[in-house]
PDB file of N, CA and C in Angstrom:
ATOM      1  N   MET A   1       0.822  -1.196   0.000  1.00  0.00           N
ATOM      2  CA  MET A   1       0.000   0.000   0.000  1.00  0.00           C
ATOM      3  C   MET A   1       0.867   1.261   0.000  1.00  0.00           C
ATOM      4  N   ILE A   2       1.871   1.290   0.873  1.00  0.00           N
ATOM      5  CA  ILE A   2       2.727   2.471   0.952  1.00  0.00           C
ATOM      6  C   ILE A   2       3.547   2.612  -0.323  1.00  0.00           C
ATOM      7  N   ARG A   3       4.032   1.490  -0.844  1.00  0.00           N
ATOM      8  CA  ARG A   3       4.820   1.537  -2.069  1.00  0.00           C
ATOM      9  C   ARG A   3       3.980   2.056  -3.237  1.00  0.00           C
ATOM     10  N   THR A   4       2.729   1.627  -3.322  1.00  0.00           N
ATOM     11  CA  THR A   4       1.836   2.087  -4.392  1.00  0.00           C
ATOM     12  C   THR A   4       1.566   3.582  -4.249  1.00  0.00           C
ATOM     13  N   THR A   5       1.342   4.034  -3.033  1.00  0.00           N
ATOM     14  CA  THR A   5       1.095   5.457  -2.806  1.00  0.00           C
ATOM     15  C   THR A   5       2.333   6.282  -3.145  1.00  0.00           C
ATOM     16  N   GLY A   6       3.510   5.783  -2.779  1.00  0.00           N
ATOM     17  CA  GLY A   6       4.743   6.492  -3.108  1.00  0.00           C
ATOM     18  C   GLY A   6       4.956   6.603  -4.607  1.00  0.00           C
ATOM     19  N   TYR A   7       4.658   5.516  -5.337  1.00  0.00           N
ATOM     20  CA  TYR A   7       4.804   5.549  -6.794  1.00  0.00           C
ATOM     21  C   TYR A   7       3.809   6.531  -7.397  1.00  0.00           C
ATOM     22  N   PHE A   8       2.577   6.527  -6.885  1.00  0.00           N
ATOM     23  CA  PHE A   8       1.568   7.447  -7.387  1.00  0.00           C
ATOM     24  C   PHE A   8       1.999   8.892  -7.159  1.00  0.00           C
ATOM     25  N   LEU A   9       2.517   9.185  -5.974  1.00  0.00           N
ATOM     26  CA  LEU A   9       2.962  10.543  -5.686  1.00  0.00           C
ATOM     27  C   LEU A   9       4.160  10.933  -6.553  1.00  0.00           C
ATOM     28  N   TRP A  10       5.064   9.981  -6.802  1.00  0.00           N
ATOM     29  CA  TRP A  10       6.214  10.240  -7.668  1.00  0.00           C
ATOM     30  C   TRP A  10       5.744  10.569  -9.091  1.00  0.00           C
ATOM     31  N   CYS A  11       4.793   9.790  -9.602  1.00  0.00           N
ATOM     32  CA  CYS A  11       4.262  10.055 -10.945  1.00  0.00           C
ATOM     33  C   CYS A  11       3.548  11.404 -10.988  1.00  0.00           C
ATOM     34  N   LEU A  12       2.777  11.704  -9.973  1.00  0.00           N
ATOM     35  CA  LEU A  12       2.073  12.978  -9.916  1.00  0.00           C
ATOM     36  C   LEU A  12       3.057  14.144  -9.876  1.00  0.00           C
ATOM     37  N   CYS A  13       4.125  13.998  -9.102  1.00  0.00           N
ATOM     38  CA  CYS A  13       5.152  15.036  -9.029  1.00  0.00           C
ATOM     39  C   CYS A  13       5.832  15.231 -10.383  1.00  0.00           C
ATOM     40  N   ARG A  14       6.153  14.127 -11.062  1.00  0.00           N
ATOM     41  CA  ARG A  14       6.769  14.227 -12.389  1.00  0.00           C
ATOM     42  C   ARG A  14       5.845  14.908 -13.384  1.00  0.00           C
ATOM     43  N   ILE A  15       4.562  14.565 -13.342  1.00  0.00           N
ATOM     44  CA  ILE A  15       3.599  15.162 -14.266  1.00  0.00           C
ATOM     45  C   ILE A  15       3.466  16.658 -13.996  1.00  0.00           C
ATOM     46  N   LEU A  16       3.351  17.042 -12.746  1.00  0.00           N
ATOM     47  CA  LEU A  16       3.237  18.464 -12.406  1.00  0.00           C
ATOM     48  C   LEU A  16       4.493  19.230 -12.806  1.00  0.00           C
ATOM     49  N   CYS A  17       5.662  18.661 -12.541  1.00  0.00           N
ATOM     50  CA  CYS A  17       6.917  19.318 -12.939  1.00  0.00           C
ATOM     51  C   CYS A  17       7.031  19.409 -14.461  1.00  0.00           C
ATOM     52  N   GLY A  18       6.600  18.380 -15.155  1.00  0.00           N
ATOM     53  CA  GLY A  18       6.644  18.405 -16.619  1.00  0.00           C
ATOM     54  C   GLY A  18       5.764  19.491 -17.200  1.00  0.00           C
ATOM     55  N   PHE A  19       4.544  19.611 -16.662  1.00  0.00           N
ATOM     56  CA  PHE A  19       3.659  20.669 -17.140  1.00  0.00           C
ATOM     57  C   PHE A  19       4.182  22.049 -16.749  1.00  0.00           C
ATOM     58  N   ALA A  20       4.830  22.155 -15.586  1.00  0.00           N
ATOM     59  CA  ALA A  20       5.428  23.435 -15.188  1.00  0.00           C
ATOM     60  C   ALA A  20       6.559  23.815 -16.147  1.00  0.00           C
ATOM     61  N   LEU A  21       7.408  22.849 -16.496  1.00  0.00           N
ATOM     62  CA  LEU A  21       8.480  23.127 -17.463  1.00  0.00           C
ATOM     63  C   LEU A  21       7.915  23.501 -18.819  1.00  0.00           C
ATOM     64  N   LEU A  22       6.869  22.800 -19.238  1.00  0.00           N
ATOM     65  CA  LEU A  22       6.241  23.098 -20.526  1.00  0.00           C
ATOM     66  C   LEU A  22       5.641  24.499 -20.519  1.00  0.00           C
ATOM     67  N   GLY A  23       4.941  24.851 -19.454  1.00  0.00           N
ATOM     68  CA  GLY A  23       4.355  26.195 -19.350  1.00  0.00           C
ATOM     69  C   GLY A  23       5.416  27.281 -19.304  1.00  0.00           C
ATOM     70  N   LEU A  24       6.482  27.040 -18.552  1.00  0.00           N
ATOM     71  CA  LEU A  24       7.580  28.005 -18.490  1.00  0.00           C
ATOM     72  C   LEU A  24       8.234  28.170 -19.865  1.00  0.00           C
ATOM     73  N   GLY A  25       8.403  27.071 -20.576  1.00  0.00           N
ATOM     74  CA  GLY A  25       8.986  27.149 -21.915  1.00  0.00           C
ATOM     75  C   GLY A  25       8.119  27.925 -22.880  1.00  0.00           C
ATOM     76  N   ILE A  26       6.819  27.706 -22.804  1.00  0.00           N
ATOM     77  CA  ILE A  26       5.902  28.453 -23.677  1.00  0.00           C
ATOM     78  C   ILE A  26       5.942  29.939 -23.315  1.00  0.00           C
ATOM     79  N   PHE A  27       5.978  30.239 -22.023  1.00  0.00           N
ATOM     80  CA  PHE A  27       6.055  31.639 -21.589  1.00  0.00           C
ATOM     81  C   PHE A  27       7.348  32.292 -22.072  1.00  0.00           C
ATOM     82  N   LEU A  28       8.468  31.586 -21.949  1.00  0.00           N
ATOM     83  CA  LEU A  28       9.748  32.159 -22.362  1.00  0.00           C
ATOM     84  C   LEU A  28       9.897  32.236 -23.886  1.00  0.00           C
ATOM     85  N   SER A  29       9.030  31.552 -24.618  1.00  0.00           N
ATOM     86  CA  SER A  29       9.088  31.611 -26.079  1.00  0.00           C
ATOM     87  C   SER A  29       8.359  32.816 -26.646  1.00  0.00           C
ATOM     88  N   ILE A  30       7.655  33.551 -25.809  1.00  0.00           N
ATOM     89  CA  ILE A  30       6.949  34.744 -26.264  1.00  0.00           C
ATOM     90  C   ILE A  30       7.990  35.778 -26.680  1.00  0.00           C
ATOM     91  N   PRO A  31       7.813  36.395 -27.846  1.00  0.00           N
ATOM     92  CA  PRO A  31       8.781  37.410 -28.276  1.00  0.00           C
ATOM     93  C   PRO A  31       8.860  38.556 -27.271  1.00  0.00           C
ATOM     94  N   GLY A  32      10.076  38.969 -26.997  1.00  0.00           N
ATOM     95  CA  GLY A  32      10.304  40.063 -26.066  1.00  0.00           C
ATOM     96  C   GLY A  32      10.661  39.602 -24.668  1.00  0.00           C
ATOM     97  N   ILE A  33      10.473  38.326 -24.377  1.00  0.00           N
ATOM     98  CA  ILE A  33      10.834  37.794 -23.064  1.00  0.00           C
ATOM     99  C   ILE A  33      12.104  36.971 -23.242  1.00  0.00           C
ATOM    100  N   PRO A  34      13.192  37.389 -22.618  1.00  0.00           N
ATOM    101  CA  PRO A  34      14.452  36.666 -22.807  1.00  0.00           C
ATOM    102  C   PRO A  34      14.456  35.349 -22.032  1.00  0.00           C
ATOM    103  N   GLY A  35      15.076  34.358 -22.637  1.00  0.00           N
ATOM    104  CA  GLY A  35      15.209  33.079 -21.956  1.00  0.00           C
ATOM    105  C   GLY A  35      15.192  31.920 -22.936  1.00  0.00           C
ATOM    106  N   PRO A  36      15.668  30.785 -22.496  1.00  0.00           N
ATOM    107  CA  PRO A  36      15.744  29.601 -23.366  1.00  0.00           C
ATOM    108  C   PRO A  36      14.421  28.830 -23.377  1.00  0.00           C
ATOM    109  N   GLY A  37      13.417  29.369 -24.019  1.00  0.00           N
ATOM    110  CA  GLY A  37      12.096  28.745 -24.017  1.00  0.00           C
ATOM    111  C   GLY A  37      12.069  27.367 -24.646  1.00  0.00           C
ATOM    112  N   ILE A  38      12.759  27.198 -25.764  1.00  0.00           N
ATOM    113  CA  ILE A  38      12.757  25.914 -26.465  1.00  0.00           C
ATOM    114  C   ILE A  38      13.378  24.827 -25.592  1.00  0.00           C
ATOM    115  N   VAL A  39      14.399  25.165 -24.847  1.00  0.00           N
ATOM    116  CA  VAL A  39      15.051  24.182 -23.975  1.00  0.00           C
ATOM    117  C   VAL A  39      14.070  23.684 -22.918  1.00  0.00           C
ATOM    118  N   PHE A  40      13.308  24.589 -22.325  1.00  0.00           N
ATOM    119  CA  PHE A  40      12.348  24.183 -21.309  1.00  0.00           C
ATOM    120  C   PHE A  40      11.198  23.379 -21.902  1.00  0.00           C
ATOM    121  N   ILE A  41      10.801  23.685 -23.121  1.00  0.00           N
ATOM    122  CA  ILE A  41       9.750  22.910 -23.779  1.00  0.00           C
ATOM    123  C   ILE A  41      10.224  21.483 -24.017  1.00  0.00           C
ATOM    124  N   VAL A  42      11.440  21.329 -24.508  1.00  0.00           N
ATOM    125  CA  VAL A  42      11.982  19.981 -24.752  1.00  0.00           C
ATOM    126  C   VAL A  42      12.141  19.227 -23.437  1.00  0.00           C
ATOM    127  N   LEU A  43      12.607  19.894 -22.386  1.00  0.00           N
ATOM    128  CA  LEU A  43      12.712  19.248 -21.076  1.00  0.00           C
ATOM    129  C   LEU A  43      11.339  18.831 -20.553  1.00  0.00           C
ATOM    130  N   GLY A  44      10.350  19.671 -20.751  1.00  0.00           N
ATOM    131  CA  GLY A  44       8.988  19.327 -20.330  1.00  0.00           C
ATOM    132  C   GLY A  44       8.472  18.099 -21.056  1.00  0.00           C
ATOM    133  N   PHE A  45       8.708  18.046 -22.379  1.00  0.00           N
ATOM    134  CA  PHE A  45       8.304  16.853 -23.138  1.00  0.00           C
ATOM    135  C   PHE A  45       9.057  15.623 -22.650  1.00  0.00           C
ATOM    136  N   GLY A  46      10.325  15.786 -22.319  1.00  0.00           N
ATOM    137  CA  GLY A  46      11.116  14.662 -21.835  1.00  0.00           C
ATOM    138  C   GLY A  46      10.604  14.127 -20.507  1.00  0.00           C
ATOM    139  N   VAL A  47      10.193  15.012 -19.615  1.00  0.00           N
ATOM    140  CA  VAL A  47       9.672  14.577 -18.318  1.00  0.00           C
ATOM    141  C   VAL A  47       8.291  13.948 -18.472  1.00  0.00           C
ATOM    142  N   LEU A  48       7.477  14.486 -19.375  1.00  0.00           N
ATOM    143  CA  LEU A  48       6.118  13.975 -19.555  1.00  0.00           C
ATOM    144  C   LEU A  48       6.038  12.736 -20.449  1.00  0.00           C
ATOM    145  N   SER A  49       7.076  12.458 -21.225  1.00  0.00           N
ATOM    146  CA  SER A  49       7.000  11.391 -22.222  1.00  0.00           C
ATOM    147  C   SER A  49       6.727   9.999 -21.664  1.00  0.00           C
ATOM    148  N   PRO A  50       7.196   9.622 -20.468  1.00  0.00           N
ATOM    149  CA  PRO A  50       6.822   8.280 -19.988  1.00  0.00           C
ATOM    150  C   PRO A  50       5.345   8.149 -19.613  1.00  0.00           C
ATOM    151  N   HIS A  51       4.667   9.277 -19.412  1.00  0.00           N
ATOM    152  CA  HIS A  51       3.290   9.241 -18.924  1.00  0.00           C
ATOM    153  C   HIS A  51       2.250   9.528 -19.998  1.00  0.00           C
ATOM    154  N   PHE A  52       2.626  10.247 -21.046  1.00  0.00           N
ATOM    155  CA  PHE A  52       1.685  10.643 -22.092  1.00  0.00           C
ATOM    156  C   PHE A  52       2.266  10.321 -23.465  1.00  0.00           C
ATOM    157  N   TYR A  53       1.439   9.699 -24.310  1.00  0.00           N
ATOM    158  CA  TYR A  53       1.901   9.324 -25.638  1.00  0.00           C
ATOM    159  C   TYR A  53       2.183  10.552 -26.495  1.00  0.00           C
ATOM    160  N   TRP A  54       1.350  11.581 -26.399  1.00  0.00           N
ATOM    161  CA  TRP A  54       1.552  12.775 -27.204  1.00  0.00           C
ATOM    162  C   TRP A  54       2.873  13.457 -26.844  1.00  0.00           C
ATOM    163  N   ALA A  55       3.233  13.425 -25.573  1.00  0.00           N
ATOM    164  CA  ALA A  55       4.502  14.029 -25.163  1.00  0.00           C
ATOM    165  C   ALA A  55       5.678  13.189 -25.668  1.00  0.00           C
ATOM    166  N   HIS A  56       5.497  11.873 -25.679  1.00  0.00           N
ATOM    167  CA  HIS A  56       6.549  10.992 -26.200  1.00  0.00           C
ATOM    168  C   HIS A  56       6.778  11.249 -27.683  1.00  0.00           C
ATOM    169  N   ARG A  57       5.692  11.378 -28.441  1.00  0.00           N
ATOM    170  CA  ARG A  57       5.819  11.668 -29.876  1.00  0.00           C
ATOM    171  C   ARG A  57       6.500  13.011 -30.100  1.00  0.00           C
ATOM    172  N   ALA A  58       6.111  14.031 -29.342  1.00  0.00           N
ATOM    173  CA  ALA A  58       6.717  15.357 -29.499  1.00  0.00           C
ATOM    174  C   ALA A  58       8.189  15.317 -29.116  1.00  0.00           C
ATOM    175  N   HIS A  59       8.517  14.575 -28.067  1.00  0.00           N
ATOM    176  CA  HIS A  59       9.914  14.462 -27.637  1.00  0.00           C
ATOM    177  C   HIS A  59      10.750  13.756 -28.705  1.00  0.00           C
ATOM    178  N   MET A  60      10.229  12.682 -29.272  1.00  0.00           N
ATOM    179  CA  MET A  60      10.964  11.958 -30.313  1.00  0.00           C
ATOM    180  C   MET A  60      11.109  12.831 -31.566  1.00  0.00           C
ATOM    181  N   TYR A  61      10.090  13.612 -31.892  1.00  0.00           N
ATOM    182  CA  TYR A  61      10.162  14.504 -33.050  1.00  0.00           C
ATOM    183  C   TYR A  61      11.243  15.559 -32.855  1.00  0.00           C
ATOM    184  N   THR A  62      11.306  16.152 -31.664  1.00  0.00           N
ATOM    185  CA  THR A  62      12.321  17.176 -31.439  1.00  0.00           C
ATOM    186  C   THR A  62      13.724  16.575 -31.416  1.00  0.00           C
ATOM    187  N   LYS A  63      13.863  15.353 -30.889  1.00  0.00           N
ATOM    188  CA  LYS A  63      15.171  14.702 -30.923  1.00  0.00           C
ATOM    189  C   LYS A  63      15.595  14.413 -32.364  1.00  0.00           C
ATOM    190  N   GLN A  64      14.657  13.959 -33.196  1.00  0.00           N
ATOM    191  CA  GLN A  64      14.960  13.684 -34.595  1.00  0.00           C
ATOM    192  C   GLN A  64      15.311  14.976 -35.332  1.00  0.00           C
ATOM    193  N   LEU A  65      14.563  16.029 -35.074  1.00  0.00           N
ATOM    194  CA  LEU A  65      14.832  17.321 -35.709  1.00  0.00           C
ATOM    195  C   LEU A  65      16.199  17.851 -35.295  1.00  0.00           C
ATOM    196  N   TRP A  66      16.557  17.714 -34.027  1.00  0.00           N
ATOM    197  CA  TRP A  66      17.864  18.151 -33.544  1.00  0.00           C
ATOM    198  C   TRP A  66      18.977  17.364 -34.220  1.00  0.00           C
ATOM    199  N   GLN A  67      18.785  16.061 -34.376  1.00  0.00           N
ATOM    200  CA  GLN A  67      19.796  15.228 -35.031  1.00  0.00           C
ATOM    201  C   GLN A  67      19.972  15.631 -36.494  1.00  0.00           C
ATOM    202  N   GLU A  68      18.876  15.945 -37.174  1.00  0.00           N
ATOM    203  CA  GLU A  68      18.970  16.389 -38.563  1.00  0.00           C
ATOM    204  C   GLU A  68      19.725  17.716 -38.664  1.00  0.00           C
ATOM    205  N   ILE A  69      19.479  18.622 -37.724  1.00  0.00           N
ATOM    206  CA  ILE A  69      20.189  19.908 -37.720  1.00  0.00           C
ATOM    207  C   ILE A  69      21.677  19.676 -37.520  1.00  0.00           C
ATOM    208  N   LEU A  70      22.038  18.804 -36.579  1.00  0.00           N
ATOM    209  CA  LEU A  70      23.454  18.510 -36.338  1.00  0.00           C
ATOM    210  C   LEU A  70      24.095  17.866 -37.563  1.00  0.00           C
ATOM    211  N   ASP A  71      23.389  16.963 -38.234  1.00  0.00           N
ATOM    212  CA  ASP A  71      23.927  16.317 -39.432  1.00  0.00           C
ATOM    213  C   ASP A  71      24.146  17.336 -40.546  1.00  0.00           C
ATOM    214  N   ARG A  72      23.192  18.262 -40.719  1.00  0.00           N
ATOM    215  CA  ARG A  72      23.352  19.288 -41.752  1.00  0.00           C
ATOM    216  C   ARG A  72      24.553  20.175 -41.476  1.00  0.00           C
ATOM    217  N   ARG A  73      24.730  20.545 -40.200  1.00  0.00           N
ATOM    218  CA  ARG A  73      25.888  21.382 -39.853  1.00  0.00           C
ATOM    219  C   ARG A  73      27.190  20.628 -40.076  1.00  0.00           C
ATOM    220  N   LYS A  74      27.198  19.333 -39.742  1.00  0.00           N
ATOM    221  CA  LYS A  74      28.402  18.534 -39.937  1.00  0.00           C
ATOM    222  C   LYS A  74      28.719  18.390 -41.424  1.00  0.00           C
ATOM    223  N   ASN A  75      27.692  18.163 -42.230  1.00  0.00           N
ATOM    224  CA  ASN A  75      27.909  18.049 -43.677  1.00  0.00           C
ATOM    225  C   ASN A  75      28.368  19.374 -44.274  1.00  0.00           C
ATOM    226  N   ALA A  76      27.832  20.481 -43.789  1.00  0.00           N
ATOM    227  CA  ALA A  76      28.239  21.788 -44.313  1.00  0.00           C
ATOM    228  C   ALA A  76      29.679  22.081 -43.927  1.00  0.00           C
ATOM    229  N   ALA A  77      30.081  21.716 -42.716  1.00  0.00           N
ATOM    230  CA  ALA A  77      31.459  21.937 -42.303  1.00  0.00           C
ATOM    231  C   ALA A  77      32.408  21.062 -43.109  1.00  0.00           C
ATOM    232  N   ALA A  78      32.026  19.819 -43.377  1.00  0.00           N
ATOM    233  CA  ALA A  78      32.864  18.941 -44.187  1.00  0.00           C
ATOM    234  C   ALA A  78      32.983  19.463 -45.616  1.00  0.00           C
ATOM    235  N   LYS A  79      31.887  20.021 -46.137  1.00  0.00           N
ATOM    236  CA  LYS A  79      31.925  20.564 -47.498  1.00  0.00           C
ATOM    237  C   LYS A  79      32.828  21.789 -47.566  1.00  0.00           C
ATOM    238  N   ARG A  80      32.785  22.634 -46.529  1.00  0.00           N
ATOM    239  CA  ARG A  80      33.656  23.817 -46.490  1.00  0.00           C
ATOM    240  C   ARG A  80      35.118  23.401 -46.447  1.00  0.00           C
ATOM    241  N   GLU A  81      35.425  22.360 -45.692  1.00  0.00           N
ATOM    242  CA  GLU A  81      36.815  21.893 -45.610  1.00  0.00           C
ATOM    243  C   GLU A  81      37.304  21.357 -46.951  1.00  0.00           C
ATOM    244  N   THR A  82      36.450  20.640 -47.657  1.00  0.00           N
ATOM    245  CA  THR A  82      36.873  20.110 -48.962  1.00  0.00           C
ATOM    246  C   THR A  82      36.996  21.227 -49.991  1.00  0.00           C
ATOM    247  N   ASP A  83      36.143  22.260 -49.878  1.00  0.00           N
ATOM    248  CA  ASP A  83      36.221  23.384 -50.812  1.00  0.00           C
ATOM    249  C   ASP A  83      37.468  24.218 -50.571  1.00  0.00           C
ATOM    250  N   ASN A  84      37.864  24.364 -49.314  1.00  0.00           N
ATOM    251  CA  ASN A  84      39.031  25.179 -48.976  1.00  0.00           C
ATOM    252  C   ASN A  84      40.345  24.434 -49.204  1.00  0.00           C
ATOM    253  N   GLY A  85      40.321  23.132 -49.065  1.00  0.00           N
ATOM    254  CA  GLY A  85      41.577  22.413 -49.109  1.00  0.00           C
ATOM    255  C   GLY A  85      41.697  21.591 -50.308  1.00  0.00           C
TER     256      GLY A  85
END
């Protein structure tokens, strides 16, 4: 009984923290408000992803998009090196 209640409270705490991070990220993404809004949105999706399927999909999409951006930058840097040398 105590173990089940502890797990429930842990899940509830994670869900509340995830939504808080998501809300903070959305707030910081408003133009004119300085701050790393996108980082907090991704962290919020990461915390919520074990509990909600939509958050898991959004988290996987942002990870895939980030990987594509890194690959493009790596390919552009390699192309610049071959063009210069």
